[in-house]
């Protein structure tokens, strides 16, 4: 039912937030307490479009850009973000794959 789906998505959001927050140079953007199950972030020295391209090559689907939310981007002082969204069909293992692919991509893109 809906309550179990919502609980699963909250769990994924909490797990993803904790995992990604530990990546050096990665800054989470938007951490409202009752937000949707998605994480938006920037990585110091890496453009979101470059990051999205590298992640895509690893089979990790993310969105990059301003997400039709320019006022929000202006509020946070960023031109664009990378965003990963989670739903009832996602798993913690997929978040682990995102985490690992992000670390590899960051090493590659920073040189």
N, C-alpha and C. Protein backbone atom coordinates (compact mmCIF):
# COMPACT_ATOMS: atom_id res chain seq x y z
N UNK A 1 0.81 -1.19 0.00
CA UNK A 1 0.00 0.00 0.00
C UNK A 1 0.86 1.26 0.00
N UNK A 2 0.21 2.37 -0.04
CA UNK A 2 0.89 3.66 -0.13
C UNK A 2 1.78 3.95 1.07
N UNK A 3 1.35 3.56 2.24
CA UNK A 3 2.16 3.83 3.44
C UNK A 3 3.50 3.09 3.37
N UNK A 4 3.46 1.85 2.91
CA UNK A 4 4.72 1.08 2.79
C UNK A 4 5.61 1.66 1.70
N UNK A 5 5.01 2.11 0.61
CA UNK A 5 5.79 2.73 -0.47
C UNK A 5 6.46 4.00 0.05
N UNK A 6 5.70 4.83 0.76
CA UNK A 6 6.25 6.08 1.31
C UNK A 6 7.37 5.78 2.30
N UNK A 7 7.19 4.77 3.13
CA UNK A 7 8.23 4.41 4.10
C UNK A 7 9.49 3.93 3.38
N UNK A 8 9.33 3.14 2.34
CA UNK A 8 10.47 2.66 1.56
C UNK A 8 11.22 3.83 0.92
N UNK A 9 10.49 4.76 0.34
CA UNK A 9 11.12 5.91 -0.30
C UNK A 9 11.82 6.80 0.72
N UNK A 10 11.25 6.96 1.91
CA UNK A 10 11.92 7.73 2.97
C UNK A 10 13.21 7.04 3.40
N UNK A 11 13.16 5.72 3.49
CA UNK A 11 14.36 4.96 3.85
C UNK A 11 15.44 5.15 2.79
N UNK A 12 15.08 5.06 1.52
CA UNK A 12 16.05 5.26 0.45
C UNK A 12 16.64 6.66 0.48
N UNK A 13 15.79 7.65 0.72
CA UNK A 13 16.27 9.03 0.80
C UNK A 13 17.27 9.20 1.93
N UNK A 14 16.96 8.67 3.10
CA UNK A 14 17.87 8.77 4.23
C UNK A 14 19.18 8.06 3.97
N UNK A 15 19.10 6.89 3.37
CA UNK A 15 20.29 6.12 3.05
C UNK A 15 21.15 6.85 2.03
N UNK A 16 20.52 7.33 0.96
CA UNK A 16 21.27 8.05 -0.09
C UNK A 16 21.90 9.32 0.45
N UNK A 17 21.16 10.05 1.27
CA UNK A 17 21.68 11.29 1.84
C UNK A 17 22.92 11.00 2.67
N UNK A 18 22.86 9.98 3.50
CA UNK A 18 24.01 9.63 4.34
C UNK A 18 25.19 9.16 3.50
N UNK A 19 24.95 8.32 2.51
CA UNK A 19 26.05 7.81 1.67
C UNK A 19 26.71 8.93 0.88
N UNK A 20 25.91 9.78 0.25
CA UNK A 20 26.49 10.81 -0.61
C UNK A 20 27.14 11.92 0.19
N UNK A 21 26.62 12.20 1.38
CA UNK A 21 27.20 13.26 2.22
C UNK A 21 28.64 12.94 2.60
N UNK A 22 29.03 11.69 2.54
CA UNK A 22 30.39 11.30 2.89
C UNK A 22 31.40 11.42 1.77
N UNK A 23 30.96 11.84 0.59
CA UNK A 23 31.88 11.97 -0.54
C UNK A 23 32.53 13.35 -0.50
N UNK A 24 33.86 13.41 -0.39
CA UNK A 24 34.55 14.70 -0.33
C UNK A 24 34.26 15.56 -1.57
N UNK A 25 33.95 16.83 -1.34
CA UNK A 25 33.69 17.77 -2.43
C UNK A 25 32.26 17.75 -2.93
N UNK A 26 31.45 16.81 -2.48
CA UNK A 26 30.05 16.75 -2.90
C UNK A 26 29.21 17.54 -1.91
N UNK A 27 28.39 18.44 -2.43
CA UNK A 27 27.50 19.24 -1.59
C UNK A 27 26.06 18.95 -1.95
N UNK A 28 25.29 18.50 -0.97
CA UNK A 28 23.86 18.28 -1.18
C UNK A 28 23.16 19.63 -1.29
N UNK A 29 22.20 19.72 -2.20
CA UNK A 29 21.45 20.95 -2.41
C UNK A 29 19.99 20.65 -2.11
N UNK A 30 19.45 21.32 -1.09
CA UNK A 30 18.05 21.10 -0.73
C UNK A 30 17.90 19.93 0.21
N UNK A 31 17.75 20.23 1.48
CA UNK A 31 17.65 19.16 2.48
C UNK A 31 16.43 19.37 3.38
N UNK A 32 15.34 19.82 2.80
CA UNK A 32 14.11 20.02 3.58
C UNK A 32 13.68 18.72 4.23
N UNK A 33 13.14 18.78 5.44
CA UNK A 33 12.79 17.55 6.17
C UNK A 33 11.70 16.71 5.50
N UNK A 34 10.77 17.30 4.81
CA UNK A 34 9.67 16.53 4.20
C UNK A 34 9.75 16.57 2.67
N UNK A 35 10.94 16.38 2.13
CA UNK A 35 11.13 16.46 0.69
C UNK A 35 10.84 15.13 0.01
N UNK A 36 10.76 15.19 -1.30
CA UNK A 36 10.58 13.98 -2.11
C UNK A 36 11.81 13.11 -2.03
N UNK A 37 11.69 11.90 -2.49
CA UNK A 37 12.82 10.96 -2.42
C UNK A 37 13.77 11.18 -3.60
N UNK A 38 14.49 12.29 -3.51
CA UNK A 38 15.51 12.60 -4.49
C UNK A 38 16.62 13.38 -3.82
N UNK A 39 17.81 13.28 -4.40
CA UNK A 39 18.94 14.07 -3.91
C UNK A 39 19.50 14.87 -5.06
N UNK A 40 19.67 16.16 -4.82
CA UNK A 40 20.33 17.04 -5.77
C UNK A 40 21.66 17.42 -5.16
N UNK A 41 22.68 17.53 -6.01
CA UNK A 41 24.00 17.83 -5.48
C UNK A 41 24.88 18.46 -6.54
N UNK A 42 25.95 19.08 -6.04
CA UNK A 42 27.02 19.58 -6.89
C UNK A 42 28.32 18.94 -6.42
N UNK A 43 29.29 18.92 -7.29
CA UNK A 43 30.62 18.41 -6.95
C UNK A 43 31.62 19.49 -7.31
N UNK A 44 32.40 19.89 -6.32
CA UNK A 44 33.39 20.94 -6.51
C UNK A 44 34.33 20.61 -7.67
N UNK A 45 34.41 21.54 -8.63
CA UNK A 45 35.32 21.37 -9.75
C UNK A 45 34.81 20.48 -10.86
N UNK A 46 33.56 20.04 -10.79
CA UNK A 46 33.01 19.15 -11.80
C UNK A 46 31.66 19.71 -12.26
N UNK A 47 31.49 19.90 -13.57
CA UNK A 47 30.21 20.38 -14.08
C UNK A 47 29.19 19.24 -14.06
N UNK A 48 27.95 19.52 -13.66
CA UNK A 48 26.93 18.47 -13.60
C UNK A 48 26.74 17.72 -14.91
N UNK A 49 26.84 18.40 -16.04
CA UNK A 49 26.65 17.71 -17.32
C UNK A 49 27.76 16.69 -17.57
N UNK A 50 28.99 17.04 -17.22
CA UNK A 50 30.10 16.09 -17.36
C UNK A 50 29.88 14.90 -16.44
N UNK A 51 29.48 15.17 -15.23
CA UNK A 51 29.24 14.10 -14.27
C UNK A 51 28.13 13.18 -14.76
N UNK A 52 27.05 13.75 -15.26
CA UNK A 52 25.94 12.95 -15.78
C UNK A 52 26.35 12.06 -16.94
N UNK A 53 27.21 12.58 -17.81
CA UNK A 53 27.68 11.81 -18.96
C UNK A 53 28.50 10.60 -18.51
N UNK A 54 29.39 10.81 -17.55
CA UNK A 54 30.22 9.71 -17.05
C UNK A 54 29.36 8.68 -16.31
N UNK A 55 28.42 9.15 -15.50
CA UNK A 55 27.55 8.21 -14.78
C UNK A 55 26.70 7.40 -15.76
N UNK A 56 26.21 8.05 -16.81
CA UNK A 56 25.40 7.36 -17.81
C UNK A 56 26.20 6.22 -18.45
N UNK A 57 27.47 6.47 -18.73
CA UNK A 57 28.31 5.43 -19.32
C UNK A 57 28.47 4.24 -18.38
N UNK A 58 28.27 4.45 -17.09
CA UNK A 58 28.35 3.38 -16.10
C UNK A 58 26.97 2.76 -15.82
N UNK A 59 25.95 3.20 -16.54
CA UNK A 59 24.61 2.65 -16.35
C UNK A 59 23.84 3.28 -15.21
N UNK A 60 24.29 4.45 -14.75
CA UNK A 60 23.62 5.16 -13.66
C UNK A 60 22.82 6.32 -14.26
N UNK A 61 21.51 6.30 -14.08
CA UNK A 61 20.64 7.33 -14.65
C UNK A 61 20.42 8.46 -13.65
N UNK A 62 20.83 9.65 -14.03
CA UNK A 62 20.60 10.86 -13.24
C UNK A 62 20.14 11.95 -14.19
N UNK A 63 19.63 13.02 -13.62
CA UNK A 63 19.29 14.22 -14.39
C UNK A 63 20.30 15.30 -14.04
N UNK A 64 20.60 16.15 -15.01
CA UNK A 64 21.49 17.27 -14.75
C UNK A 64 20.90 18.54 -15.34
N UNK A 65 21.29 19.67 -14.78
CA UNK A 65 20.84 20.95 -15.31
C UNK A 65 20.16 21.77 -14.24
N UNK A 66 19.29 22.67 -14.69
CA UNK A 66 18.58 23.52 -13.73
C UNK A 66 17.18 23.00 -13.44
N UNK A 67 16.78 21.92 -14.08
CA UNK A 67 15.54 21.20 -13.77
C UNK A 67 14.29 22.09 -13.83
N UNK A 68 14.32 23.07 -14.73
CA UNK A 68 13.20 24.03 -14.87
C UNK A 68 12.89 24.71 -13.54
N UNK A 69 13.92 24.95 -12.77
CA UNK A 69 13.76 25.55 -11.44
C UNK A 69 14.80 26.64 -11.22
N UNK A 70 14.89 27.57 -12.16
CA UNK A 70 15.91 28.61 -12.07
C UNK A 70 15.83 29.41 -10.77
N UNK A 71 14.64 29.78 -10.26
CA UNK A 71 14.62 30.50 -8.98
C UNK A 71 15.26 29.70 -7.84
N UNK A 72 15.09 28.40 -7.84
CA UNK A 72 15.71 27.56 -6.81
C UNK A 72 17.22 27.54 -6.99
N UNK A 73 17.67 27.42 -8.24
CA UNK A 73 19.11 27.43 -8.50
C UNK A 73 19.72 28.76 -8.04
N UNK A 74 19.03 29.85 -8.33
CA UNK A 74 19.50 31.17 -7.89
C UNK A 74 19.54 31.25 -6.36
N UNK A 75 18.51 30.71 -5.72
CA UNK A 75 18.46 30.72 -4.26
C UNK A 75 19.68 30.02 -3.66
N UNK A 76 20.04 28.86 -4.23
CA UNK A 76 21.17 28.10 -3.72
C UNK A 76 22.51 28.55 -4.30
N UNK A 77 22.47 29.47 -5.27
CA UNK A 77 23.70 29.99 -5.84
C UNK A 77 24.46 29.01 -6.71
N UNK A 78 23.73 28.16 -7.43
CA UNK A 78 24.36 27.19 -8.32
C UNK A 78 23.75 27.30 -9.71
N UNK A 79 24.54 27.08 -10.76
CA UNK A 79 23.98 27.15 -12.11
C UNK A 79 23.23 25.89 -12.51
N UNK A 80 23.57 24.77 -11.87
CA UNK A 80 22.97 23.48 -12.21
C UNK A 80 23.31 22.48 -11.11
N UNK A 81 22.57 21.39 -11.09
CA UNK A 81 22.85 20.31 -10.15
C UNK A 81 22.75 18.97 -10.88
N UNK A 82 23.21 17.95 -10.21
CA UNK A 82 22.95 16.57 -10.61
C UNK A 82 21.89 16.06 -9.65
N UNK A 83 20.91 15.30 -10.19
CA UNK A 83 19.81 14.84 -9.35
C UNK A 83 19.56 13.35 -9.57
N UNK A 84 19.49 12.62 -8.48
CA UNK A 84 19.11 11.21 -8.51
C UNK A 84 17.78 11.07 -7.79
N UNK A 85 16.84 10.38 -8.42
CA UNK A 85 15.51 10.20 -7.85
C UNK A 85 15.30 8.72 -7.51
N UNK A 86 14.55 8.49 -6.45
CA UNK A 86 14.31 7.12 -5.98
C UNK A 86 12.81 6.88 -5.86
N UNK A 87 12.41 5.65 -6.15
CA UNK A 87 10.99 5.28 -6.09
C UNK A 87 10.86 3.88 -5.52
N UNK A 88 9.65 3.38 -5.53
CA UNK A 88 9.36 2.10 -4.89
C UNK A 88 10.17 0.95 -5.45
N UNK A 89 10.60 1.04 -6.70
CA UNK A 89 11.33 -0.06 -7.33
C UNK A 89 12.85 0.01 -7.11
N UNK A 90 13.34 1.07 -6.48
CA UNK A 90 14.78 1.20 -6.24
C UNK A 90 15.20 0.47 -4.97
N UNK A 91 16.51 0.21 -4.87
CA UNK A 91 17.05 -0.53 -3.74
C UNK A 91 18.27 0.20 -3.17
N UNK A 92 18.66 -0.19 -1.97
CA UNK A 92 19.89 0.35 -1.37
C UNK A 92 21.11 -0.04 -2.21
N UNK A 93 21.07 -1.21 -2.82
CA UNK A 93 22.19 -1.66 -3.67
C UNK A 93 22.39 -0.69 -4.84
N UNK A 94 21.32 -0.15 -5.37
CA UNK A 94 21.44 0.83 -6.45
C UNK A 94 22.05 2.13 -5.96
N UNK A 95 21.73 2.49 -4.74
CA UNK A 95 22.34 3.69 -4.14
C UNK A 95 23.83 3.44 -3.91
N UNK A 96 24.19 2.25 -3.51
CA UNK A 96 25.60 1.90 -3.36
C UNK A 96 26.31 2.00 -4.72
N UNK A 97 25.65 1.54 -5.79
CA UNK A 97 26.23 1.63 -7.13
C UNK A 97 26.40 3.09 -7.54
N UNK A 98 25.43 3.94 -7.22
CA UNK A 98 25.54 5.38 -7.49
C UNK A 98 26.74 5.96 -6.74
N UNK A 99 26.84 5.63 -5.47
CA UNK A 99 27.95 6.11 -4.62
C UNK A 99 29.30 5.74 -5.22
N UNK A 100 29.46 4.47 -5.58
CA UNK A 100 30.74 4.00 -6.11
C UNK A 100 31.04 4.64 -7.46
N UNK A 101 30.03 4.74 -8.33
CA UNK A 101 30.23 5.36 -9.64
C UNK A 101 30.56 6.85 -9.51
N UNK A 102 29.94 7.51 -8.54
CA UNK A 102 30.24 8.92 -8.31
C UNK A 102 31.70 9.11 -7.90
N UNK A 103 32.16 8.28 -6.99
CA UNK A 103 33.55 8.40 -6.55
C UNK A 103 34.51 8.19 -7.72
N UNK A 104 34.24 7.19 -8.56
CA UNK A 104 35.08 6.94 -9.73
C UNK A 104 35.03 8.11 -10.71
N UNK A 105 33.82 8.63 -10.96
CA UNK A 105 33.66 9.74 -11.90
C UNK A 105 34.38 11.00 -11.40
N UNK A 106 34.27 11.26 -10.13
CA UNK A 106 34.93 12.44 -9.57
C UNK A 106 36.44 12.32 -9.72
N UNK A 107 36.99 11.15 -9.42
CA UNK A 107 38.44 10.95 -9.59
C UNK A 107 38.85 11.18 -11.04
N UNK A 108 38.05 10.66 -11.96
CA UNK A 108 38.37 10.78 -13.37
C UNK A 108 38.26 12.23 -13.85
N UNK A 109 37.20 12.91 -13.47
CA UNK A 109 36.95 14.27 -13.98
C UNK A 109 37.84 15.31 -13.34
N UNK A 110 38.30 15.05 -12.14
CA UNK A 110 39.21 16.01 -11.50
C UNK A 110 40.65 15.79 -11.92
N UNK A 111 40.91 14.64 -12.51
CA UNK A 111 42.27 14.36 -12.99
C UNK A 111 43.11 13.85 -11.99
